[in-house]
Amino acid sequence: MALSNNIIGAINFVAMLLSIPIIGAGIWLATEPDNSCVKILQWPWPVIILGVLILLVALAGFIGGFWRIPWLLITYLIAMLVLIILLTCLVVFVYMVTIRGSGHPAPSRAYLEYRLDDYSGWLRRRVRSSYKWDRIRSCLSSSSMCAELNQNYRMAQDFFNAHISPLQSGCCKPPTECGYTFVNPTYWISPINTAADMDCLQWNNEQTQLCYSCDSCKAGLLANLKTEWRRANIILIITLVALICVYLIGCCAFRNAKTEDLFRKYKQGYT
């Protein structure tokens, strides 16, 4: 019994360690520079909260294992199963909402361009709320991401050959198919085909406006989020598999502990 309980305690110590990558993934998403304006959407908090809950439940199992508190171990087994199911749902959900959407090559351009309709409906709804997008747009327009393009690229060909970020591609310039003429990366004139895309009419050379109201800007933001969430999801998947293995070993150790306890009681009653 003591050996099995010690094993349960040790296993739960490993589970406590496994909560760290989950919490770390949430903190990484929250502190990424590209996500500074997306905190309005409160994306990372479910991951951080889930990681903290796993840490607390694993701590309860650790205490229950070493100090031989049966009711705490049973609570741990039930709660950890629920958290594993929730983590599995989160992993599947992130995969499903980020499976769609990618950049499109533009003629004679090294950078990609992005379309809002390419992304999942759930993601699109997050940025189509005028209240939320107005706050995100205000944050983006006060950042230096577009001004940096003017500092780095003076000539048209240098800019066309640049590998800029999805946010810069969607927010700092008009869509290529509009046929605007390059003056500098954030100043374009004489569109040829404004009917090609609704964003062609949204473009404004005012540096606080640019294409921040364009669907391409929203798509660029979702492209950034997709990349970061796919990276975080890899960490969550690896942690989930390890957590399931730890949980199964813990269940076996708990069952063995109960079997040893019953056998001990049986021997005491027999003698």
C-alpha atoms as a PDB file:
ATOM      1  CA  MET A   1       0.000   0.000   0.000  1.00  0.00           C
ATOM      2  CA  ALA A   2       2.751   2.434   0.984  1.00  0.00           C
ATOM      3  CA  LEU A   3       4.728   1.674  -2.190  1.00  0.00           C
ATOM      4  CA  SER A   4       1.696   2.204  -4.432  1.00  0.00           C
ATOM      5  CA  ASN A   5       0.825   5.443  -2.660  1.00  0.00           C
ATOM      6  CA  ASN A   6       4.384   6.666  -3.093  1.00  0.00           C
ATOM      7  CA  ILE A   7       4.161   5.842  -6.785  1.00  0.00           C
ATOM      8  CA  ILE A   8       0.904   7.815  -7.022  1.00  0.00           C
ATOM      9  CA  GLY A   9       2.578  10.757  -5.276  1.00  0.00           C
ATOM     10  CA  ALA A  10       5.564  10.616  -7.629  1.00  0.00           C
ATOM     11  CA  ILE A  11       3.327  10.366 -10.685  1.00  0.00           C
ATOM     12  CA  ASN A  12       1.366  13.391  -9.571  1.00  0.00           C
ATOM     13  CA  PHE A  13       4.597  15.301  -9.140  1.00  0.00           C
ATOM     14  CA  VAL A  14       5.224  14.586 -12.834  1.00  0.00           C
ATOM     15  CA  ALA A  15       1.663  15.783 -13.587  1.00  0.00           C
ATOM     16  CA  MET A  16       2.461  19.017 -11.738  1.00  0.00           C
ATOM     17  CA  LEU A  17       5.493  19.467 -13.978  1.00  0.00           C
ATOM     18  CA  LEU A  18       3.339  18.794 -17.060  1.00  0.00           C
ATOM     19  CA  SER A  19       1.083  21.706 -16.150  1.00  0.00           C
ATOM     20  CA  ILE A  20       4.034  24.073 -16.662  1.00  0.00           C
ATOM     21  CA  PRO A  21       4.126  23.778 -20.509  1.00  0.00           C
ATOM     22  CA  ILE A  22       0.367  24.441 -20.628  1.00  0.00           C
ATOM     23  CA  ILE A  23       0.627  27.552 -18.470  1.00  0.00           C
ATOM     24  CA  GLY A  24       3.761  28.567 -20.396  1.00  0.00           C
ATOM     25  CA  ALA A  25       1.956  28.235 -23.747  1.00  0.00           C
ATOM     26  CA  GLY A  26      -0.820  30.514 -22.499  1.00  0.00           C
ATOM     27  CA  ILE A  27       1.640  33.095 -21.171  1.00  0.00           C
ATOM     28  CA  TRP A  28       3.615  32.954 -24.438  1.00  0.00           C
ATOM     29  CA  LEU A  29       0.440  33.662 -26.428  1.00  0.00           C
ATOM     30  CA  ALA A  30      -0.433  36.536 -24.098  1.00  0.00           C
ATOM     31  CA  THR A  31       3.004  38.161 -24.254  1.00  0.00           C
ATOM     32  CA  GLU A  32       3.810  37.743 -27.948  1.00  0.00           C
ATOM     33  CA  PRO A  33       4.494  41.225 -29.421  1.00  0.00           C
ATOM     34  CA  ASP A  34       2.253  40.422 -32.404  1.00  0.00           C
ATOM     35  CA  ASN A  35      -0.593  39.713 -29.983  1.00  0.00           C
ATOM     36  CA  SER A  36      -0.368  42.973 -28.044  1.00  0.00           C
ATOM     37  CA  CYS A  37      -3.465  44.319 -29.817  1.00  0.00           C
ATOM     38  CA  VAL A  38      -5.312  40.994 -29.705  1.00  0.00           C
ATOM     39  CA  LYS A  39      -5.482  40.784 -25.914  1.00  0.00           C
ATOM     40  CA  ILE A  40      -8.893  42.405 -26.345  1.00  0.00           C
ATOM     41  CA  LEU A  41     -10.089  39.004 -27.603  1.00  0.00           C
ATOM     42  CA  GLN A  42      -8.735  37.339 -24.411  1.00  0.00           C
ATOM     43  CA  TRP A  43      -7.442  34.335 -26.360  1.00  0.00           C
ATOM     44  CA  PRO A  44      -4.839  32.864 -23.951  1.00  0.00           C
ATOM     45  CA  TRP A  45      -6.876  32.811 -20.732  1.00  0.00           C
ATOM     46  CA  PRO A  46      -8.611  29.419 -21.240  1.00  0.00           C
ATOM     47  CA  VAL A  47      -5.181  27.806 -21.695  1.00  0.00           C
ATOM     48  CA  ILE A  48      -3.691  29.496 -18.609  1.00  0.00           C
ATOM     49  CA  ILE A  49      -6.732  28.670 -16.445  1.00  0.00           C
ATOM     50  CA  LEU A  50      -6.701  25.036 -17.570  1.00  0.00           C
ATOM     51  CA  GLY A  51      -2.984  24.764 -16.810  1.00  0.00           C
ATOM     52  CA  VAL A  52      -3.454  26.218 -13.319  1.00  0.00           C
ATOM     53  CA  LEU A  53      -6.340  23.815 -12.611  1.00  0.00           C
ATOM     54  CA  ILE A  54      -4.207  20.839 -13.690  1.00  0.00           C
ATOM     55  CA  LEU A  55      -1.432  22.072 -11.399  1.00  0.00           C
ATOM     56  CA  LEU A  56      -3.818  22.335  -8.406  1.00  0.00           C
ATOM     57  CA  VAL A  57      -5.432  18.937  -9.043  1.00  0.00           C
ATOM     58  CA  ALA A  58      -2.024  17.270  -9.473  1.00  0.00           C
ATOM     59  CA  LEU A  59      -0.933  18.890  -6.211  1.00  0.00           C
ATOM     60  CA  ALA A  60      -3.989  17.397  -4.497  1.00  0.00           C
ATOM     61  CA  GLY A  61      -3.079  13.975  -5.896  1.00  0.00           C
ATOM     62  CA  PHE A  62       0.527  14.419  -4.752  1.00  0.00           C
ATOM     63  CA  ILE A  63      -0.617  15.204  -1.200  1.00  0.00           C
ATOM     64  CA  GLY A  64      -3.158  12.387  -1.218  1.00  0.00           C
ATOM     65  CA  GLY A  65      -0.561   9.875  -2.420  1.00  0.00           C
ATOM     66  CA  PHE A  66       2.200  10.622   0.061  1.00  0.00           C
ATOM     67  CA  TRP A  67      -0.063  11.242   3.044  1.00  0.00           C
ATOM     68  CA  ARG A  68      -2.413   8.360   2.181  1.00  0.00           C
ATOM     69  CA  ILE A  69      -5.684  10.286   2.018  1.00  0.00           C
ATOM     70  CA  PRO A  70      -8.079   8.053   0.011  1.00  0.00           C
ATOM     71  CA  TRP A  71     -10.845  10.630  -0.526  1.00  0.00           C
ATOM     72  CA  LEU A  72      -8.310  13.122  -1.899  1.00  0.00           C
ATOM     73  CA  LEU A  73      -6.973  10.520  -4.329  1.00  0.00           C
ATOM     74  CA  ILE A  74     -10.475   9.707  -5.562  1.00  0.00           C
ATOM     75  CA  THR A  75     -11.191  13.421  -5.990  1.00  0.00           C
ATOM     76  CA  TYR A  76      -7.930  13.754  -7.897  1.00  0.00           C
ATOM     77  CA  LEU A  77      -8.769  10.866 -10.256  1.00  0.00           C
ATOM     78  CA  ILE A  78     -12.202  12.275 -11.072  1.00  0.00           C
ATOM     79  CA  ALA A  79     -11.053  15.892 -11.432  1.00  0.00           C
ATOM     80  CA  MET A  80      -8.003  15.001 -13.534  1.00  0.00           C
ATOM     81  CA  LEU A  81     -10.172  12.915 -15.880  1.00  0.00           C
ATOM     82  CA  VAL A  82     -12.459  15.925 -16.366  1.00  0.00           C
ATOM     83  CA  LEU A  83      -9.468  18.220 -17.020  1.00  0.00           C
ATOM     84  CA  ILE A  84      -7.950  15.758 -19.513  1.00  0.00           C
ATOM     85  CA  ILE A  85     -11.281  15.695 -21.371  1.00  0.00           C
ATOM     86  CA  LEU A  86     -11.377  19.515 -21.350  1.00  0.00           C
ATOM     87  CA  LEU A  87      -7.777  19.720 -22.607  1.00  0.00           C
ATOM     88  CA  THR A  88      -8.614  17.227 -25.361  1.00  0.00           C
ATOM     89  CA  CYS A  89     -11.614  19.347 -26.369  1.00  0.00           C
ATOM     90  CA  LEU A  90      -9.414  22.458 -26.425  1.00  0.00           C
ATOM     91  CA  VAL A  91      -6.780  20.757 -28.600  1.00  0.00           C
ATOM     92  CA  VAL A  92      -9.423  19.523 -31.062  1.00  0.00           C
ATOM     93  CA  PHE A  93     -11.165  22.909 -31.075  1.00  0.00           C
ATOM     94  CA  VAL A  94      -7.951  24.840 -31.801  1.00  0.00           C
ATOM     95  CA  TYR A  95      -7.114  22.382 -34.595  1.00  0.00           C
ATOM     96  CA  MET A  96     -10.572  22.689 -36.170  1.00  0.00           C
ATOM     97  CA  VAL A  97     -10.732  26.506 -36.105  1.00  0.00           C
ATOM     98  CA  THR A  98      -7.181  26.914 -37.440  1.00  0.00           C
ATOM     99  CA  ILE A  99      -7.257  24.217 -40.125  1.00  0.00           C
ATOM    100  CA  ARG A 100      -8.504  26.706 -42.739  1.00  0.00           C
ATOM    101  CA  GLY A 101      -6.871  29.866 -44.038  1.00  0.00           C
ATOM    102  CA  SER A 102      -3.559  30.612 -45.711  1.00  0.00           C
ATOM    103  CA  GLY A 103      -1.857  33.350 -47.687  1.00  0.00           C
ATOM    104  CA  HIS A 104      -2.246  33.786 -51.429  1.00  0.00           C
ATOM    105  CA  PRO A 105       0.649  34.744 -53.726  1.00  0.00           C
ATOM    106  CA  ALA A 106       0.254  38.074 -55.533  1.00  0.00           C
ATOM    107  CA  PRO A 107       1.671  38.703 -59.016  1.00  0.00           C
ATOM    108  CA  SER A 108       5.312  39.845 -58.921  1.00  0.00           C
ATOM    109  CA  ARG A 109       5.279  40.015 -55.114  1.00  0.00           C
ATOM    110  CA  ALA A 110       7.322  38.050 -52.571  1.00  0.00           C
ATOM    111  CA  TYR A 111       4.809  38.613 -49.792  1.00  0.00           C
ATOM    112  CA  LEU A 112       1.453  36.879 -49.466  1.00  0.00           C
ATOM    113  CA  GLU A 113      -1.989  38.433 -49.245  1.00  0.00           C
ATOM    114  CA  TYR A 114      -4.853  37.261 -47.053  1.00  0.00           C
ATOM    115  CA  ARG A 115      -8.646  36.955 -47.423  1.00  0.00           C
ATOM    116  CA  LEU A 116     -11.030  36.906 -44.503  1.00  0.00           C
ATOM    117  CA  ASP A 117     -13.396  34.372 -46.086  1.00  0.00           C
ATOM    118  CA  ASP A 118     -10.622  31.756 -46.077  1.00  0.00           C
ATOM    119  CA  TYR A 119     -10.795  31.422 -42.286  1.00  0.00           C
ATOM    120  CA  SER A 120     -13.265  29.514 -40.148  1.00  0.00           C
ATOM    121  CA  GLY A 121     -16.575  31.111 -39.255  1.00  0.00           C
ATOM    122  CA  TRP A 122     -15.707  31.113 -35.551  1.00  0.00           C
ATOM    123  CA  LEU A 123     -12.527  33.113 -36.163  1.00  0.00           C
ATOM    124  CA  ARG A 124     -14.278  35.513 -38.524  1.00  0.00           C
ATOM    125  CA  ARG A 125     -16.947  36.254 -35.921  1.00  0.00           C
ATOM    126  CA  ARG A 126     -14.243  37.206 -33.412  1.00  0.00           C
ATOM    127  CA  VAL A 127     -13.063  40.108 -35.610  1.00  0.00           C
ATOM    128  CA  ARG A 128     -16.347  41.107 -37.251  1.00  0.00           C
ATOM    129  CA  SER A 129     -17.702  42.545 -34.019  1.00  0.00           C
ATOM    130  CA  SER A 130     -17.487  46.304 -34.636  1.00  0.00           C
ATOM    131  CA  TYR A 131     -16.959  46.997 -30.932  1.00  0.00           C
ATOM    132  CA  LYS A 132     -13.959  44.680 -30.661  1.00  0.00           C
ATOM    133  CA  TRP A 133     -12.489  45.577 -34.033  1.00  0.00           C
ATOM    134  CA  ASP A 134     -12.657  49.310 -33.341  1.00  0.00           C
ATOM    135  CA  ARG A 135     -10.485  48.745 -30.273  1.00  0.00           C
ATOM    136  CA  ILE A 136      -8.094  46.466 -32.151  1.00  0.00           C
ATOM    137  CA  ARG A 137      -7.895  48.941 -35.058  1.00  0.00           C
ATOM    138  CA  SER A 138      -7.099  51.779 -32.675  1.00  0.00           C
ATOM    139  CA  CYS A 139      -4.340  49.688 -31.120  1.00  0.00           C
ATOM    140  CA  LEU A 140      -2.900  48.700 -34.527  1.00  0.00           C
ATOM    141  CA  SER A 141      -2.920  52.273 -35.823  1.00  0.00           C
ATOM    142  CA  SER A 142      -0.968  53.442 -32.776  1.00  0.00           C
ATOM    143  CA  SER A 143       1.703  50.782 -33.279  1.00  0.00           C
ATOM    144  CA  SER A 144       4.842  51.197 -35.381  1.00  0.00           C
ATOM    145  CA  MET A 145       4.403  48.150 -37.629  1.00  0.00           C
ATOM    146  CA  CYS A 146       3.481  50.167 -40.738  1.00  0.00           C
ATOM    147  CA  ALA A 147       5.909  53.011 -40.054  1.00  0.00           C
ATOM    148  CA  GLU A 148       8.716  50.420 -39.975  1.00  0.00           C
ATOM    149  CA  LEU A 149       7.980  49.565 -43.626  1.00  0.00           C
ATOM    150  CA  ASN A 150       8.621  53.175 -44.657  1.00  0.00           C
ATOM    151  CA  GLN A 151      11.962  53.086 -42.871  1.00  0.00           C
ATOM    152  CA  ASN A 152      13.039  49.754 -44.339  1.00  0.00           C
ATOM    153  CA  TYR A 153      11.846  50.000 -47.963  1.00  0.00           C
ATOM    154  CA  ARG A 154      12.335  53.120 -50.080  1.00  0.00           C
ATOM    155  CA  MET A 155      12.109  51.638 -53.581  1.00  0.00           C
ATOM    156  CA  ALA A 156       9.082  49.865 -55.011  1.00  0.00           C
ATOM    157  CA  GLN A 157      10.991  46.756 -56.092  1.00  0.00           C
ATOM    158  CA  ASP A 158      12.613  46.385 -52.693  1.00  0.00           C
ATOM    159  CA  PHE A 159       9.166  46.431 -51.095  1.00  0.00           C
ATOM    160  CA  PHE A 160       7.692  44.002 -53.651  1.00  0.00           C
ATOM    161  CA  ASN A 161      10.521  41.557 -52.897  1.00  0.00           C
ATOM    162  CA  ALA A 162      10.106  41.866 -49.127  1.00  0.00           C
ATOM    163  CA  HIS A 163       8.738  39.117 -46.887  1.00  0.00           C
ATOM    164  CA  ILE A 164       6.465  41.164 -44.650  1.00  0.00           C
ATOM    165  CA  SER A 165       4.232  39.847 -41.877  1.00  0.00           C
ATOM    166  CA  PRO A 166       0.555  38.975 -42.483  1.00  0.00           C
ATOM    167  CA  LEU A 167      -0.509  42.000 -40.409  1.00  0.00           C
ATOM    168  CA  GLN A 168       1.687  44.340 -42.445  1.00  0.00           C
ATOM    169  CA  SER A 169       0.451  42.804 -45.686  1.00  0.00           C
ATOM    170  CA  GLY A 170      -3.195  43.163 -44.726  1.00  0.00           C
ATOM    171  CA  CYS A 171      -3.192  46.468 -42.830  1.00  0.00           C
ATOM    172  CA  CYS A 172      -0.415  48.666 -44.232  1.00  0.00           C
ATOM    173  CA  LYS A 173      -1.092  48.545 -47.978  1.00  0.00           C
ATOM    174  CA  PRO A 174      -4.028  48.087 -50.379  1.00  0.00           C
ATOM    175  CA  PRO A 175      -4.666  44.722 -52.079  1.00  0.00           C
ATOM    176  CA  THR A 176      -2.473  44.222 -55.164  1.00  0.00           C
ATOM    177  CA  GLU A 177      -5.469  43.526 -57.437  1.00  0.00           C
ATOM    178  CA  CYS A 178      -6.712  47.100 -56.899  1.00  0.00           C
ATOM    179  CA  GLY A 179      -3.860  48.312 -59.125  1.00  0.00           C
ATOM    180  CA  TYR A 180      -2.624  51.146 -56.912  1.00  0.00           C
ATOM    181  CA  THR A 181       0.687  52.819 -57.819  1.00  0.00           C
ATOM    182  CA  PHE A 182       3.457  52.636 -55.209  1.00  0.00           C
ATOM    183  CA  VAL A 183       4.766  55.889 -53.722  1.00  0.00           C
ATOM    184  CA  ASN A 184       6.020  54.381 -50.484  1.00  0.00           C
ATOM    185  CA  PRO A 185       4.897  51.288 -48.530  1.00  0.00           C
ATOM    186  CA  THR A 186       2.033  53.170 -46.856  1.00  0.00           C
ATOM    187  CA  TYR A 187       1.181  55.679 -49.593  1.00  0.00           C
ATOM    188  CA  TRP A 188      -0.426  54.512 -52.843  1.00  0.00           C
ATOM    189  CA  ILE A 189      -2.183  56.436 -55.628  1.00  0.00           C
ATOM    190  CA  SER A 190      -4.188  56.024 -58.856  1.00  0.00           C
ATOM    191  CA  PRO A 191      -6.062  52.725 -58.447  1.00  0.00           C
ATOM    192  CA  ILE A 192      -6.853  50.958 -61.725  1.00  0.00           C
ATOM    193  CA  ASN A 193      -9.596  48.588 -60.592  1.00  0.00           C
ATOM    194  CA  THR A 194     -11.425  49.590 -57.411  1.00  0.00           C
ATOM    195  CA  ALA A 195     -14.176  47.084 -58.175  1.00  0.00           C
ATOM    196  CA  ALA A 196     -11.801  44.149 -57.776  1.00  0.00           C
ATOM    197  CA  ASP A 197     -12.186  44.071 -53.993  1.00  0.00           C
ATOM    198  CA  MET A 198     -14.244  45.958 -51.418  1.00  0.00           C
ATOM    199  CA  ASP A 199     -10.984  46.731 -49.622  1.00  0.00           C
ATOM    200  CA  CYS A 200      -9.930  48.883 -52.600  1.00  0.00           C
ATOM    201  CA  LEU A 201     -12.459  51.490 -51.471  1.00  0.00           C
ATOM    202  CA  GLN A 202     -11.464  51.141 -47.824  1.00  0.00           C
ATOM    203  CA  TRP A 203      -7.846  52.155 -48.466  1.00  0.00           C
ATOM    204  CA  ASN A 204      -6.900  55.592 -47.145  1.00  0.00           C
ATOM    205  CA  ASN A 205      -3.470  57.239 -47.343  1.00  0.00           C
ATOM    206  CA  GLU A 206      -4.061  58.896 -43.976  1.00  0.00           C
ATOM    207  CA  GLN A 207      -1.479  57.161 -41.778  1.00  0.00           C
ATOM    208  CA  THR A 208      -3.967  56.528 -38.982  1.00  0.00           C
ATOM    209  CA  GLN A 209      -6.428  54.945 -41.450  1.00  0.00           C
ATOM    210  CA  LEU A 210      -4.516  52.992 -44.162  1.00  0.00           C
ATOM    211  CA  CYS A 211      -6.271  49.604 -44.501  1.00  0.00           C
ATOM    212  CA  TYR A 212      -7.095  49.104 -40.816  1.00  0.00           C
ATOM    213  CA  SER A 213     -10.794  48.861 -41.716  1.00  0.00           C
ATOM    214  CA  CYS A 214     -10.140  46.336 -44.497  1.00  0.00           C
ATOM    215  CA  ASP A 215     -11.099  42.683 -44.372  1.00  0.00           C
ATOM    216  CA  SER A 216      -7.521  41.965 -45.442  1.00  0.00           C
ATOM    217  CA  CYS A 217      -6.306  43.509 -42.165  1.00  0.00           C
ATOM    218  CA  LYS A 218      -8.630  41.259 -40.181  1.00  0.00           C
ATOM    219  CA  ALA A 219      -7.408  38.297 -42.240  1.00  0.00           C
ATOM    220  CA  GLY A 220      -3.777  39.242 -41.576  1.00  0.00           C
ATOM    221  CA  LEU A 221      -4.474  39.339 -37.861  1.00  0.00           C
ATOM    222  CA  LEU A 222      -6.137  35.900 -38.029  1.00  0.00           C
ATOM    223  CA  ALA A 223      -3.173  34.568 -40.020  1.00  0.00           C
ATOM    224  CA  ASN A 224      -0.829  35.666 -37.225  1.00  0.00           C
ATOM    225  CA  LEU A 225      -3.115  34.114 -34.612  1.00  0.00           C
ATOM    226  CA  LYS A 226      -3.393  30.896 -36.584  1.00  0.00           C
ATOM    227  CA  THR A 227       0.391  30.480 -36.775  1.00  0.00           C
ATOM    228  CA  GLU A 228       0.873  31.120 -33.071  1.00  0.00           C
ATOM    229  CA  TRP A 229      -2.053  28.930 -31.998  1.00  0.00           C
ATOM    230  CA  ARG A 230      -0.858  26.043 -34.170  1.00  0.00           C
ATOM    231  CA  ARG A 231       2.553  26.258 -32.479  1.00  0.00           C
ATOM    232  CA  ALA A 232       0.923  26.379 -29.044  1.00  0.00           C
ATOM    233  CA  ASN A 233      -1.321  23.451 -30.007  1.00  0.00           C
ATOM    234  CA  ILE A 234       1.722  21.270 -30.690  1.00  0.00           C
ATOM    235  CA  ILE A 235       2.850  21.893 -27.101  1.00  0.00           C
ATOM    236  CA  LEU A 236      -0.661  21.110 -25.835  1.00  0.00           C
ATOM    237  CA  ILE A 237      -0.860  17.854 -27.818  1.00  0.00           C
ATOM    238  CA  ILE A 238       2.500  16.595 -26.515  1.00  0.00           C
ATOM    239  CA  THR A 239       1.528  17.554 -22.962  1.00  0.00           C
ATOM    240  CA  LEU A 240      -1.889  15.911 -23.338  1.00  0.00           C
ATOM    241  CA  VAL A 241      -0.373  12.591 -24.452  1.00  0.00           C
ATOM    242  CA  ALA A 242       2.084  12.670 -21.538  1.00  0.00           C
ATOM    243  CA  LEU A 243      -0.706  13.602 -19.132  1.00  0.00           C
ATOM    244  CA  ILE A 244      -2.872  10.687 -20.304  1.00  0.00           C
ATOM    245  CA  CYS A 245       0.027   8.270 -19.799  1.00  0.00           C
ATOM    246  CA  VAL A 246       0.660   9.648 -16.303  1.00  0.00           C
ATOM    247  CA  TYR A 247      -3.044   9.409 -15.470  1.00  0.00           C
ATOM    248  CA  LEU A 248      -3.291   5.781 -16.626  1.00  0.00           C
ATOM    249  CA  ILE A 249      -0.239   4.830 -14.559  1.00  0.00           C
ATOM    250  CA  GLY A 250      -1.798   6.643 -11.599  1.00  0.00           C
ATOM    251  CA  CYS A 251      -5.045   4.693 -12.035  1.00  0.00           C
ATOM    252  CA  CYS A 252      -3.133   1.389 -12.092  1.00  0.00           C
ATOM    253  CA  ALA A 253      -1.162   2.376  -8.985  1.00  0.00           C
ATOM    254  CA  PHE A 254      -4.385   3.385  -7.189  1.00  0.00           C
ATOM    255  CA  ARG A 255      -6.044   0.089  -8.111  1.00  0.00           C
ATOM    256  CA  ASN A 256      -3.008  -1.848  -6.885  1.00  0.00           C
ATOM    257  CA  ALA A 257      -3.051   0.165  -3.652  1.00  0.00           C
ATOM    258  CA  LYS A 258      -6.708  -0.717  -3.079  1.00  0.00           C
ATOM    259  CA  THR A 259      -6.021  -4.377  -3.889  1.00  0.00           C
ATOM    260  CA  GLU A 260      -3.098  -4.458  -1.449  1.00  0.00           C
ATOM    261  CA  ASP A 261      -5.269  -2.806   1.190  1.00  0.00           C
ATOM    262  CA  LEU A 262      -8.063  -5.359   0.750  1.00  0.00           C
ATOM    263  CA  PHE A 263      -5.591  -8.237   0.834  1.00  0.00           C
ATOM    264  CA  ARG A 264      -3.992  -6.857   4.003  1.00  0.00           C
ATOM    265  CA  LYS A 265      -7.388  -6.545   5.703  1.00  0.00           C
ATOM    266  CA  TYR A 266      -8.277 -10.046   4.595  1.00  0.00           C
ATOM    267  CA  LYS A 267      -5.060 -11.438   6.120  1.00  0.00           C
ATOM    268  CA  GLN A 268      -5.662  -9.540   9.356  1.00  0.00           C
ATOM    269  CA  GLY A 269      -9.211 -10.891   9.575  1.00  0.00           C
ATOM    270  CA  TYR A 270      -8.044 -14.412   8.780  1.00  0.00           C
ATOM    271  CA  THR A 271      -5.329 -14.358  11.425  1.00  0.00           C
END
